[in-house]
Amino acid sequence: MIGLFYRPISSEKALVTTIHYFPGSLSEEDKANNFIEVPFVPETAPDSSLFVNPQTKEMWHENVELPSSEIERINNLEKATEENKQANLDTQEAVLQLYEMVTGPPA
């Protein structure tokens, strides 16, 4: 079995917040609120969220649209990552050139 922790939205709809693949290792206290066990979990696409009906254990996906501020934040992070990669390559090239100058043949 697989354990699902969820956040209730209504009596028949809840957002799955955590998937626990070893629910037998959880205490009864951990399982007391907003937790159910299911036999399987369908694959989730990156742009969707998993929902469950806590009463019937039916599961489905819904597409989630990120707010524009989140999209902008992700784009900024991607740009910063690329800039950091380039700076790292530039630093490695400079270190290589210094190494070659220091270890080159004697003049």
Protein backbone atom coordinates (compact mmCIF):
# COMPACT_ATOMS: atom_id res chain seq x y z
CA MET A 1 0.00 0.00 0.00
CA ILE A 2 0.97 3.62 -0.48
CA GLY A 3 0.05 6.40 1.93
CA LEU A 4 -1.28 9.79 0.89
CA PHE A 5 -1.32 12.86 3.06
CA TYR A 6 -3.76 15.42 1.74
CA ARG A 7 -5.21 18.88 2.28
CA PRO A 8 -9.03 18.82 2.17
CA ILE A 9 -10.73 21.14 -0.29
CA SER A 10 -14.23 19.72 0.13
CA SER A 11 -15.69 16.50 1.46
CA GLU A 12 -15.09 14.84 -1.91
CA LYS A 13 -11.91 16.56 -3.07
CA ALA A 14 -8.46 16.87 -1.51
CA LEU A 15 -5.06 17.91 -2.80
CA VAL A 16 -2.40 15.25 -2.25
CA THR A 17 0.48 16.97 -0.46
CA THR A 18 2.77 14.01 0.28
CA ILE A 19 3.09 10.48 -1.08
CA HIS A 20 4.57 8.05 1.45
CA TYR A 21 5.75 4.75 -0.03
CA PHE A 22 6.32 3.04 3.33
CA PRO A 23 3.18 3.83 5.36
CA GLY A 24 3.86 0.85 7.63
CA SER A 25 6.73 2.84 9.13
CA LEU A 26 4.36 5.63 10.22
CA SER A 27 2.86 5.78 13.69
CA GLU A 28 -0.89 5.74 14.21
CA GLU A 29 -0.56 9.33 15.39
CA ASP A 30 0.99 10.29 12.02
CA LYS A 31 -1.89 8.62 10.20
CA ALA A 32 -4.60 10.16 12.39
CA ASN A 33 -5.43 13.21 10.24
CA ASN A 34 -5.72 13.69 6.51
CA PHE A 35 -4.15 10.38 5.58
CA ILE A 36 -5.38 7.44 3.49
CA GLU A 37 -3.78 4.34 2.03
CA VAL A 38 -4.21 3.42 -1.63
CA PRO A 39 -2.92 0.46 -3.66
CA PHE A 40 -1.21 2.61 -6.34
CA VAL A 41 -0.60 6.21 -7.38
CA PRO A 42 -0.96 7.30 -11.00
CA GLU A 43 1.95 9.15 -12.58
CA THR A 44 1.80 12.92 -12.24
CA ALA A 45 2.78 15.27 -15.05
CA PRO A 46 5.04 18.19 -14.04
CA ASP A 47 2.31 20.76 -14.66
CA SER A 48 -0.46 18.96 -12.79
CA SER A 49 -1.41 18.13 -9.23
CA LEU A 50 -2.80 14.90 -7.83
CA PHE A 51 -6.21 15.02 -6.17
CA VAL A 52 -8.07 12.33 -4.26
CA ASN A 53 -11.57 11.74 -3.03
CA PRO A 54 -10.88 10.78 0.61
CA GLN A 55 -14.15 8.85 0.82
CA THR A 56 -13.81 6.70 -2.32
CA LYS A 57 -10.00 6.89 -2.81
CA GLU A 58 -10.57 7.86 -6.45
CA MET A 59 -7.56 9.81 -7.79
CA TRP A 60 -7.21 12.25 -10.68
CA HIS A 61 -4.96 14.98 -11.97
CA GLU A 62 -5.73 18.61 -12.61
CA ASN A 63 -3.53 21.02 -14.50
CA VAL A 64 -2.17 23.77 -12.33
CA GLU A 65 -1.35 27.12 -13.82
CA LEU A 66 1.46 28.91 -12.07
CA PRO A 67 0.90 32.55 -11.20
CA SER A 68 2.88 34.94 -13.38
CA SER A 69 5.06 35.88 -10.38
CA GLU A 70 6.11 32.22 -10.02
CA ILE A 71 6.83 31.93 -13.74
CA GLU A 72 8.95 35.10 -13.55
CA ARG A 73 10.79 33.74 -10.49
CA ILE A 74 11.54 30.47 -12.30
CA ASN A 75 12.76 32.35 -15.36
CA ASN A 76 15.04 34.49 -13.18
CA LEU A 77 16.44 31.40 -11.49
CA GLU A 78 17.11 29.75 -14.85
CA LYS A 79 18.88 32.89 -16.10
CA ALA A 80 20.99 33.13 -12.93
CA THR A 81 21.90 29.45 -13.25
CA GLU A 82 23.08 29.95 -16.82
CA GLU A 83 25.10 33.02 -15.81
CA ASN A 84 26.69 31.04 -12.96
CA LYS A 85 27.58 28.19 -15.33
CA GLN A 86 29.25 30.62 -17.72
CA ALA A 87 31.15 32.34 -14.89
CA ASN A 88 32.33 28.91 -13.71
CA LEU A 89 33.56 28.02 -17.21
CA ASP A 90 35.38 31.35 -17.46
CA THR A 91 37.06 30.74 -14.09
CA GLN A 92 38.09 27.22 -15.11
CA GLU A 93 39.59 28.57 -18.35
CA ALA A 94 41.57 31.22 -16.44
CA VAL A 95 42.87 28.62 -13.97
CA LEU A 96 43.92 26.37 -16.86
CA GLN A 97 45.79 29.22 -18.52
CA LEU A 98 47.61 30.05 -15.26
CA TYR A 99 48.45 26.39 -14.75
CA GLU A 100 49.92 26.17 -18.24
CA MET A 101 51.95 29.35 -17.65
CA VAL A 102 53.35 28.03 -14.35
CA THR A 103 54.06 24.48 -15.52
CA GLY A 104 55.16 25.34 -19.06
CA PRO A 105 58.64 24.61 -20.37
CA PRO A 106 61.47 26.61 -18.76
CA ALA A 107 62.44 29.72 -20.64
